[in-house]
Amino acid sequence: MKKTLVKRLAAFLALCMMFPAAADATQEKIDRVQDEIQDLQQQKDEAQQKADSLSEEAGGLEGDLAAFNEKLTKITGELYATEQQLESTRLSLEQTKQALKKAQKDEKSQYEAMKKRIRFMYEMGGQGLLEVLLSAEDFADFLNKAEYISSIQEYDRNMLDRYRSTKETIASKEQELSTQEESLAGLKIQQESQQQEVAALVSETSEHLNAARKQLAAAKADVAGYAAKMEKQKAYEKELESQKAAEDKRRLEEIRRQEEEVRRRNERKKAENSGNGGGSGNSGNSGNSGGSGGGAPVSNASDLSMLAAIIQCEAGGGSYDGMLAVGSVVMNRVHSSSFPNTVAGVIYQGGQFSPVASGRFAAVLAAGANGTCTKAAGEVLGGRITVNCLYFRSDDGSIPGTVIGGNVFY
């Protein structure tokens, strides 16, 4: 038994010297690339948030600018209408002033004509008027002449009243137009001031919008740059994953070769012991120890917590079958002579599980895994091994194997 264990331990140590150094180095590269991808993702998200904020700001400024332009157009139209109305009012006012001058002149002329006729009739006296009336040829002519004289006087009075009324109407209209002109002139000044204020807002908003658009273009360029770098890193990660898978495959082949060699050696010794007629019980135990890692592992609460935590890190977002498969790989390694024979030893073995290197495993372990992952871990520790594999990686289609829950097992 002891010799068998010693030989197996020697084989295991030799195997570890052959493969882990390269495997660890590749896994470290993968871990670094994943960290870089995570950093780039964070930088990309920050740049995207900035771009979204600038886009929202630019959208708001575009809305403000459209509103200001609309207001400026409205004010400009109102100002133009006011200027046209003011020009028309001033023209009407000038025409009214000319009409008032003419009405004043007509009134004066009429008044002068009336004064002359009144003076003439006064100078003629009553005798002159009587002679005009007595010179009538008949009574009808008398009435006509009397009516004529009365009509002249009535006409003079009516014309004077008419001219005076016209003059007063025109004067009133002049006052009205003067008030309207003053009001329109004040309105024009007010609208010109508003026009200048809104034009300043349009200019200021345009400057801010142009600046926001430049910043937005720069932020979008940053997002695109980070995305390009991420794609490059992901491609490199894919190459490393393929390289790691090839290293795992070579190591797996060597593990199987070593285990097969141990198995054959044990069979030969068993046959020799049987031929010699002794030690059959011990050789049976030796045969069983070939796949046990030097003794059957005993599970405890710590194993359950660690196994549940690594399952959550590696398959927590996938199916329950995927969780069982991840747990099975851990326990397959525990039972393999080529890996540590404890759950903790397998999980903390260098260069094997990325969440351990990144610190995520420690965080989940400290917080406690969720109920589903804990249940899966319990079933695996209880003997439910669903895959006969020692390795798994994220499935990207480049590694052959059994795909379960987003991982490929081989």
Protein backbone atom coordinates (compact mmCIF):
# COMPACT_ATOMS: atom_id res chain seq x y z
CA MET A 1 0.00 0.00 0.00
CA LYS A 2 2.72 2.45 1.02
CA LYS A 3 4.84 1.64 -2.04
CA THR A 4 1.86 2.14 -4.29
CA LEU A 5 1.11 5.50 -2.69
CA VAL A 6 4.74 6.54 -2.98
CA LYS A 7 4.84 5.62 -6.65
CA ARG A 8 1.59 7.39 -7.31
CA LEU A 9 2.84 10.45 -5.46
CA ALA A 10 6.05 10.42 -7.47
CA ALA A 11 4.09 10.12 -10.68
CA PHE A 12 1.85 12.95 -9.61
CA LEU A 13 4.83 15.19 -8.73
CA ALA A 14 6.48 14.42 -12.05
CA LEU A 15 3.28 15.27 -13.83
CA CYS A 16 2.99 18.52 -11.93
CA MET A 17 6.52 19.43 -12.98
CA MET A 18 5.74 18.75 -16.62
CA PHE A 19 2.47 20.64 -17.07
CA PRO A 20 1.40 23.09 -14.36
CA ALA A 21 4.10 25.67 -15.10
CA ALA A 22 2.87 26.16 -18.66
CA ALA A 23 -0.76 25.81 -17.62
CA ASP A 24 -0.35 28.32 -14.84
CA ALA A 25 1.38 30.76 -17.16
CA THR A 26 -1.39 30.48 -19.73
CA GLN A 27 -4.09 30.81 -17.10
CA GLU A 28 -2.35 33.87 -15.66
CA LYS A 29 -2.39 35.39 -19.13
CA ILE A 30 -6.08 34.56 -19.44
CA ASP A 31 -6.75 36.10 -16.04
CA ARG A 32 -4.84 39.27 -17.00
CA VAL A 33 -6.68 39.51 -20.31
CA GLN A 34 -10.01 39.03 -18.55
CA ASP A 35 -9.06 41.78 -16.08
CA GLU A 36 -8.13 44.05 -18.99
CA ILE A 37 -11.42 43.23 -20.71
CA GLN A 38 -13.27 44.01 -17.50
CA ASP A 39 -11.40 47.32 -17.15
CA LEU A 40 -12.11 48.15 -20.78
CA GLN A 41 -15.77 47.27 -20.28
CA GLN A 42 -15.93 49.61 -17.30
CA GLN A 43 -14.22 52.38 -19.27
CA LYS A 44 -16.54 51.73 -22.20
CA ASP A 45 -19.58 51.86 -19.91
CA GLU A 46 -18.37 55.15 -18.42
CA ALA A 47 -17.74 56.56 -21.89
CA GLN A 48 -21.18 55.34 -22.99
CA GLN A 49 -22.79 56.96 -19.96
CA LYS A 50 -20.99 60.19 -20.82
CA ALA A 51 -22.09 59.86 -24.44
CA ASP A 52 -25.69 59.23 -23.35
CA SER A 53 -25.57 62.25 -21.04
CA LEU A 54 -24.10 64.45 -23.79
CA SER A 55 -26.65 63.10 -26.27
CA GLU A 56 -29.44 64.02 -23.87
CA GLU A 57 -27.86 67.44 -23.32
CA ALA A 58 -27.49 67.98 -27.07
CA GLY A 59 -31.11 66.93 -27.57
CA GLY A 60 -32.23 69.44 -24.97
CA LEU A 61 -30.14 72.18 -26.56
CA GLU A 62 -31.54 71.31 -29.98
CA GLY A 63 -35.04 71.65 -28.55
CA ASP A 64 -34.15 74.97 -26.92
CA LEU A 65 -32.55 76.23 -30.12
CA ALA A 66 -35.61 75.27 -32.17
CA ALA A 67 -37.86 77.06 -29.65
CA PHE A 68 -35.65 80.15 -29.65
CA ASN A 69 -35.52 80.22 -33.46
CA GLU A 70 -39.29 79.87 -33.60
CA LYS A 71 -39.67 82.71 -31.09
CA LEU A 72 -37.17 84.84 -33.01
CA THR A 73 -39.06 84.22 -36.24
CA LYS A 74 -42.32 85.19 -34.53
CA ILE A 75 -40.85 88.35 -33.01
CA THR A 76 -39.24 89.30 -36.32
CA GLY A 77 -42.58 88.85 -38.06
CA GLU A 78 -44.35 90.92 -35.41
CA LEU A 79 -41.66 93.59 -35.65
CA TYR A 80 -42.05 93.70 -39.42
CA ALA A 81 -45.83 94.02 -39.04
CA THR A 82 -45.34 96.81 -36.49
CA GLU A 83 -42.93 98.64 -38.79
CA GLN A 84 -45.39 98.34 -41.68
CA GLN A 85 -48.24 99.56 -39.48
CA LEU A 86 -46.11 102.39 -38.15
CA GLU A 87 -45.15 103.43 -41.66
CA SER A 88 -48.80 103.31 -42.74
CA THR A 89 -49.84 105.30 -39.65
CA ARG A 90 -47.18 107.93 -40.29
CA LEU A 91 -48.29 108.19 -43.92
CA SER A 92 -51.92 108.54 -42.82
CA LEU A 93 -50.87 111.07 -40.22
CA GLU A 94 -49.04 113.11 -42.82
CA GLN A 95 -52.03 112.94 -45.14
CA THR A 96 -54.30 113.93 -42.24
CA LYS A 97 -52.10 116.88 -41.42
CA GLN A 98 -52.27 118.00 -45.05
CA ALA A 99 -56.05 117.55 -45.02
CA LEU A 100 -56.25 119.52 -41.77
CA LYS A 101 -54.26 122.35 -43.30
CA LYS A 102 -56.60 122.34 -46.28
CA ALA A 103 -59.68 122.24 -44.02
CA GLN A 104 -58.29 125.12 -41.97
CA LYS A 105 -57.62 127.01 -45.17
CA ASP A 106 -61.11 126.24 -46.55
CA GLU A 107 -62.64 127.35 -43.28
CA LYS A 108 -60.71 130.55 -43.36
CA SER A 109 -61.64 131.21 -47.00
CA GLN A 110 -65.31 130.52 -46.29
CA TYR A 111 -65.19 132.71 -43.26
CA GLU A 112 -63.63 135.51 -45.29
CA ALA A 113 -66.25 135.13 -48.03
CA MET A 114 -69.01 135.28 -45.45
CA LYS A 115 -67.51 138.36 -43.93
CA LYS A 116 -67.39 140.06 -47.32
CA ARG A 117 -71.03 139.27 -48.11
CA ILE A 118 -72.13 140.31 -44.66
CA ARG A 119 -70.14 143.51 -45.00
CA PHE A 120 -71.64 144.10 -48.47
CA MET A 121 -75.16 143.58 -47.22
CA TYR A 122 -74.47 145.71 -44.22
CA GLU A 123 -73.07 148.48 -46.38
CA MET A 124 -76.06 148.29 -48.68
CA GLY A 125 -78.30 148.59 -45.72
CA GLY A 126 -81.95 147.76 -45.56
CA GLN A 127 -82.76 150.13 -48.47
CA GLY A 128 -80.53 148.17 -50.88
CA LEU A 129 -82.18 144.89 -49.98
CA LEU A 130 -85.61 146.49 -50.27
CA GLU A 131 -84.77 147.78 -53.72
CA VAL A 132 -83.68 144.32 -54.78
CA LEU A 133 -86.95 142.91 -53.58
CA LEU A 134 -89.08 145.73 -55.08
CA SER A 135 -87.40 145.32 -58.42
CA ALA A 136 -89.17 142.00 -58.76
CA GLU A 137 -91.42 141.82 -61.78
CA ASP A 138 -94.10 139.86 -60.04
CA PHE A 139 -94.83 138.19 -56.73
CA ALA A 140 -93.15 134.97 -57.74
CA ASP A 141 -90.03 136.83 -58.66
CA PHE A 142 -90.24 138.62 -55.33
CA LEU A 143 -90.40 135.36 -53.47
CA ASN A 144 -87.55 133.94 -55.51
CA LYS A 145 -85.35 136.94 -54.75
CA ALA A 146 -86.24 136.88 -51.10
CA GLU A 147 -85.55 133.13 -51.02
CA TYR A 148 -82.31 133.69 -52.88
CA ILE A 149 -81.08 136.19 -50.33
CA SER A 150 -82.07 133.85 -47.49
CA SER A 151 -80.39 130.90 -49.27
CA ILE A 152 -77.16 132.81 -49.60
CA GLN A 153 -77.10 133.46 -45.90
CA GLU A 154 -78.10 129.87 -45.09
CA TYR A 155 -75.47 128.52 -47.45
CA ASP A 156 -72.77 130.62 -45.86
CA ARG A 157 -73.74 129.39 -42.41
CA ASN A 158 -73.94 125.78 -43.52
CA MET A 159 -70.63 125.88 -45.33
CA LEU A 160 -68.96 127.47 -42.34
CA ASP A 161 -70.42 124.81 -40.04
CA ARG A 162 -69.37 122.09 -42.47
CA TYR A 163 -65.81 123.33 -42.69
CA ARG A 164 -65.60 123.69 -38.97
CA SER A 165 -66.93 120.13 -38.48
CA THR A 166 -64.51 118.78 -41.06
CA LYS A 167 -61.66 120.58 -39.38
CA GLU A 168 -62.62 119.18 -35.97
CA THR A 169 -62.94 115.63 -37.39
CA ILE A 170 -59.57 115.85 -39.06
CA ALA A 171 -58.01 117.31 -35.95
CA SER A 172 -59.46 114.45 -33.89
CA LYS A 173 -58.13 111.93 -36.38
CA GLU A 174 -54.74 113.62 -36.26
CA GLN A 175 -54.69 113.26 -32.49
CA GLU A 176 -55.70 109.62 -32.78
CA LEU A 177 -53.00 108.91 -35.37
CA SER A 178 -50.40 110.71 -33.28
CA THR A 179 -51.29 108.55 -30.27
CA GLN A 180 -51.19 105.44 -32.44
CA GLU A 181 -47.82 106.46 -33.88
CA GLU A 182 -46.41 106.96 -30.40
CA SER A 183 -47.76 103.58 -29.29
CA LEU A 184 -46.38 101.79 -32.35
CA ALA A 185 -43.01 103.46 -31.94
CA GLY A 186 -42.85 102.22 -28.34
CA LEU A 187 -43.93 98.75 -29.42
CA LYS A 188 -41.24 98.72 -32.08
CA ILE A 189 -38.57 99.58 -29.52
CA GLN A 190 -39.85 96.81 -27.23
CA GLN A 191 -39.90 94.24 -30.05
CA GLU A 192 -36.42 95.24 -31.20
CA SER A 193 -35.19 94.67 -27.63
CA GLN A 194 -36.86 91.24 -27.52
CA GLN A 195 -35.41 90.41 -30.91
CA GLN A 196 -31.91 91.21 -29.66
CA GLU A 197 -32.40 89.14 -26.50
CA VAL A 198 -33.70 86.09 -28.37
CA ALA A 199 -31.00 86.44 -31.03
CA ALA A 200 -28.41 86.41 -28.23
CA LEU A 201 -30.03 83.25 -26.82
CA VAL A 202 -29.94 81.65 -30.27
CA SER A 203 -26.24 82.47 -30.61
CA GLU A 204 -25.37 81.27 -27.10
CA THR A 205 -27.40 78.06 -27.45
CA SER A 206 -25.81 77.37 -30.84
CA GLU A 207 -22.35 77.66 -29.29
CA HIS A 208 -23.29 75.31 -26.44
CA LEU A 209 -24.85 72.86 -28.90
CA ASN A 210 -21.75 72.84 -31.10
CA ALA A 211 -19.57 72.23 -28.05
CA ALA A 212 -21.87 69.42 -26.86
CA ARG A 213 -21.82 67.82 -30.30
CA LYS A 214 -18.01 67.89 -30.38
CA GLN A 215 -17.86 66.33 -26.91
CA LEU A 216 -20.47 63.76 -27.97
CA ALA A 217 -18.43 62.84 -31.03
CA ALA A 218 -15.34 62.45 -28.84
CA ALA A 219 -17.27 60.29 -26.34
CA LYS A 220 -18.62 58.10 -29.15
CA ALA A 221 -15.09 57.76 -30.50
CA ASP A 222 -13.95 56.65 -27.03
CA VAL A 223 -16.74 54.08 -26.89
CA ALA A 224 -15.77 52.77 -30.32
CA GLY A 225 -12.09 52.73 -29.30
CA TYR A 226 -12.78 50.77 -26.14
CA ALA A 227 -15.04 48.40 -28.07
CA ALA A 228 -12.28 47.78 -30.63
CA LYS A 229 -9.75 47.13 -27.87
CA MET A 230 -12.19 44.76 -26.17
CA GLU A 231 -12.71 42.82 -29.39
CA LYS A 232 -8.96 42.55 -29.80
CA GLN A 233 -8.55 41.34 -26.22
CA LYS A 234 -11.44 38.90 -26.59
CA ALA A 235 -9.82 37.47 -29.70
CA TYR A 236 -6.57 37.12 -27.76
CA GLU A 237 -8.50 35.53 -24.87
CA LYS A 238 -10.03 33.07 -27.30
CA GLU A 239 -6.54 32.12 -28.55
CA LEU A 240 -5.36 31.67 -24.95
CA GLU A 241 -8.43 29.60 -24.13
CA SER A 242 -7.67 27.33 -27.08
CA GLN A 243 -4.03 27.14 -25.96
CA LYS A 244 -5.10 26.34 -22.40
CA ALA A 245 -7.53 23.71 -23.68
CA ALA A 246 -4.71 22.10 -25.68
CA GLU A 247 -2.48 22.12 -22.58
CA ASP A 248 -5.33 20.66 -20.53
CA LYS A 249 -5.81 17.98 -23.15
CA ARG A 250 -2.12 17.03 -23.09
CA ARG A 251 -2.19 16.97 -19.32
CA LEU A 252 -5.35 14.90 -19.32
CA GLU A 253 -3.77 12.41 -21.68
CA GLU A 254 -0.74 12.19 -19.44
CA ILE A 255 -2.94 11.75 -16.38
CA ARG A 256 -4.77 8.92 -18.05
CA ARG A 257 -1.50 7.36 -19.19
CA GLN A 258 -0.13 7.57 -15.66
CA GLU A 259 -3.32 6.15 -14.17
CA GLU A 260 -3.36 3.37 -16.72
CA GLU A 261 0.26 2.58 -15.93
CA VAL A 262 -0.53 2.50 -12.22
CA ARG A 263 -3.56 0.29 -12.88
CA ARG A 264 -1.51 -2.19 -14.94
CA ARG A 265 1.25 -2.21 -12.36
CA ASN A 266 -1.29 -2.92 -9.63
CA GLU A 267 -2.81 -5.73 -11.72
CA ARG A 268 0.61 -7.29 -12.25
CA LYS A 269 1.36 -7.10 -8.55
CA LYS A 270 -2.03 -8.54 -7.76
CA ALA A 271 -1.36 -11.40 -10.15
CA GLU A 272 2.09 -11.95 -8.64
CA ASN A 273 0.67 -11.90 -5.12
CA SER A 274 -2.07 -14.30 -6.16
CA GLY A 275 0.55 -16.60 -7.64
CA ASN A 276 2.52 -16.44 -4.44
CA GLY A 277 -0.65 -17.09 -2.45
CA GLY A 278 -0.56 -14.07 -0.10
CA GLY A 279 -1.57 -10.40 0.50
CA SER A 280 -4.72 -10.48 -1.57
CA GLY A 281 -6.61 -8.17 0.72
CA ASN A 282 -3.96 -5.51 0.62
CA SER A 283 -3.60 -5.63 -3.12
CA GLY A 284 -7.35 -5.16 -3.45
CA ASN A 285 -7.06 -1.98 -1.44
CA SER A 286 -4.18 -0.88 -3.64
CA GLY A 287 -6.32 -1.29 -6.70
CA ASN A 288 -9.03 0.84 -5.20
CA SER A 289 -6.61 3.55 -4.25
CA GLY A 290 -5.58 4.17 -7.82
CA GLY A 291 -8.34 6.68 -8.40
CA SER A 292 -8.82 8.04 -4.93
CA GLY A 293 -5.97 10.51 -4.56
CA GLY A 294 -4.52 8.61 -1.62
CA GLY A 295 -7.76 8.08 0.32
CA ALA A 296 -11.47 8.75 0.00
CA PRO A 297 -12.24 12.43 0.68
CA VAL A 298 -14.52 13.27 3.53
CA SER A 299 -16.94 16.16 2.91
CA ASN A 300 -17.81 18.70 5.57
CA ALA A 301 -19.53 22.06 5.93
CA SER A 302 -16.46 23.87 4.62
CA ASP A 303 -16.40 21.68 1.49
CA LEU A 304 -20.09 22.42 0.91
CA SER A 305 -19.55 26.19 1.20
CA MET A 306 -16.50 26.20 -1.08
CA LEU A 307 -18.02 23.91 -3.68
CA ALA A 308 -21.25 25.95 -3.71
CA ALA A 309 -19.25 29.18 -4.08
CA ILE A 310 -17.16 27.91 -7.04
CA ILE A 311 -20.34 26.55 -8.68
CA GLN A 312 -21.99 29.96 -8.34
CA CYS A 313 -18.92 31.70 -9.79
CA GLU A 314 -18.58 29.33 -12.75
CA ALA A 315 -22.20 28.37 -13.50
CA GLY A 316 -24.48 30.46 -11.28
CA GLY A 317 -26.12 32.16 -14.23
CA GLY A 318 -26.80 28.95 -16.14
CA SER A 319 -28.83 25.80 -15.82
CA TYR A 320 -28.94 23.45 -12.86
CA ASP A 321 -27.32 20.73 -14.99
CA GLY A 322 -24.44 23.13 -15.61
CA MET A 323 -24.05 23.64 -11.86
CA LEU A 324 -23.95 19.88 -11.26
CA ALA A 325 -21.38 19.49 -14.05
CA VAL A 326 -19.03 22.11 -12.55
CA GLY A 327 -19.31 20.46 -9.15
CA SER A 328 -18.65 17.08 -10.76
CA VAL A 329 -15.40 18.32 -12.31
CA VAL A 330 -14.20 19.49 -8.89
CA MET A 331 -15.00 16.14 -7.30
CA ASN A 332 -13.50 14.22 -10.26
CA ARG A 333 -10.26 16.05 -9.57
CA VAL A 334 -10.51 15.29 -5.85
CA HIS A 335 -10.80 11.59 -6.73
CA SER A 336 -7.99 11.76 -9.31
CA SER A 337 -4.43 10.92 -8.30
CA SER A 338 -3.20 13.82 -10.44
CA PHE A 339 -4.88 16.56 -8.40
CA PRO A 340 -5.12 17.45 -4.71
CA ASN A 341 -7.45 15.11 -2.84
CA THR A 342 -9.45 17.84 -1.06
CA VAL A 343 -12.08 20.27 -2.28
CA ALA A 344 -10.05 23.19 -0.97
CA GLY A 345 -6.86 21.86 -2.58
CA VAL A 346 -8.54 21.47 -5.99
CA ILE A 347 -10.22 24.90 -5.88
CA TYR A 348 -7.14 26.77 -4.69
CA GLN A 349 -4.70 24.95 -6.97
CA GLY A 350 -2.83 27.60 -8.94
CA GLY A 351 -3.89 28.50 -12.45
CA GLN A 352 -7.10 26.47 -12.41
CA PHE A 353 -10.12 28.61 -11.52
CA SER A 354 -10.23 32.26 -12.64
CA PRO A 355 -12.71 33.40 -9.94
CA VAL A 356 -10.15 32.42 -7.30
CA ALA A 357 -7.47 34.60 -8.91
CA SER A 358 -9.86 37.52 -9.46
CA GLY A 359 -11.15 37.52 -5.89
CA ARG A 360 -14.74 36.82 -6.89
CA PHE A 361 -14.67 33.39 -5.28
CA ALA A 362 -13.61 34.89 -1.94
CA ALA A 363 -16.45 37.43 -2.13
CA VAL A 364 -19.08 34.77 -2.84
CA LEU A 365 -17.65 32.49 -0.17
CA ALA A 366 -17.79 35.31 2.38
CA ALA A 367 -21.38 36.23 1.47
CA GLY A 368 -22.51 32.62 1.09
CA ALA A 369 -23.67 31.00 -2.15
CA ASN A 370 -27.32 31.07 -3.13
CA GLY A 371 -29.70 28.23 -2.33
CA THR A 372 -29.68 26.64 -5.77
CA CYS A 373 -25.89 26.42 -5.97
CA THR A 374 -25.74 25.13 -2.40
CA LYS A 375 -28.28 22.45 -3.28
CA ALA A 376 -26.25 21.42 -6.35
CA ALA A 377 -23.06 21.27 -4.26
CA GLY A 378 -24.80 19.06 -1.70
CA GLU A 379 -25.98 16.63 -4.37
CA VAL A 380 -22.49 16.40 -5.90
CA LEU A 381 -20.89 15.82 -2.49
CA GLY A 382 -23.53 13.16 -1.93
CA GLY A 383 -22.30 11.25 -4.99
CA ARG A 384 -24.28 12.69 -7.91
CA ILE A 385 -21.47 12.99 -10.51
CA THR A 386 -22.99 13.89 -13.88
CA VAL A 387 -19.86 14.20 -16.10
CA ASN A 388 -16.67 12.13 -16.23
CA CYS A 389 -14.45 15.13 -17.02
CA LEU A 390 -11.55 16.89 -15.33
CA TYR A 391 -11.72 20.22 -17.22
CA PHE A 392 -14.22 22.78 -18.47
CA ARG A 393 -14.07 26.21 -20.05
CA SER A 394 -16.54 28.79 -21.38
CA ASP A 395 -17.97 27.49 -24.63
CA ASP A 396 -17.00 29.57 -27.66
CA GLY A 397 -17.34 26.77 -30.19
CA SER A 398 -13.60 26.25 -30.57
CA ILE A 399 -13.11 23.49 -27.98
CA PRO A 400 -14.59 20.00 -28.54
CA GLY A 401 -16.43 18.44 -25.65
CA THR A 402 -19.79 18.26 -23.92
CA VAL A 403 -21.55 21.62 -23.72
CA ILE A 404 -23.70 22.13 -20.61
CA GLY A 405 -25.01 25.47 -19.38
CA GLY A 406 -22.64 27.66 -21.38
CA ASN A 407 -19.48 25.66 -20.54
CA VAL A 408 -17.75 22.93 -22.51
CA PHE A 409 -16.61 19.93 -20.45
CA TYR A 410 -13.79 17.65 -21.58
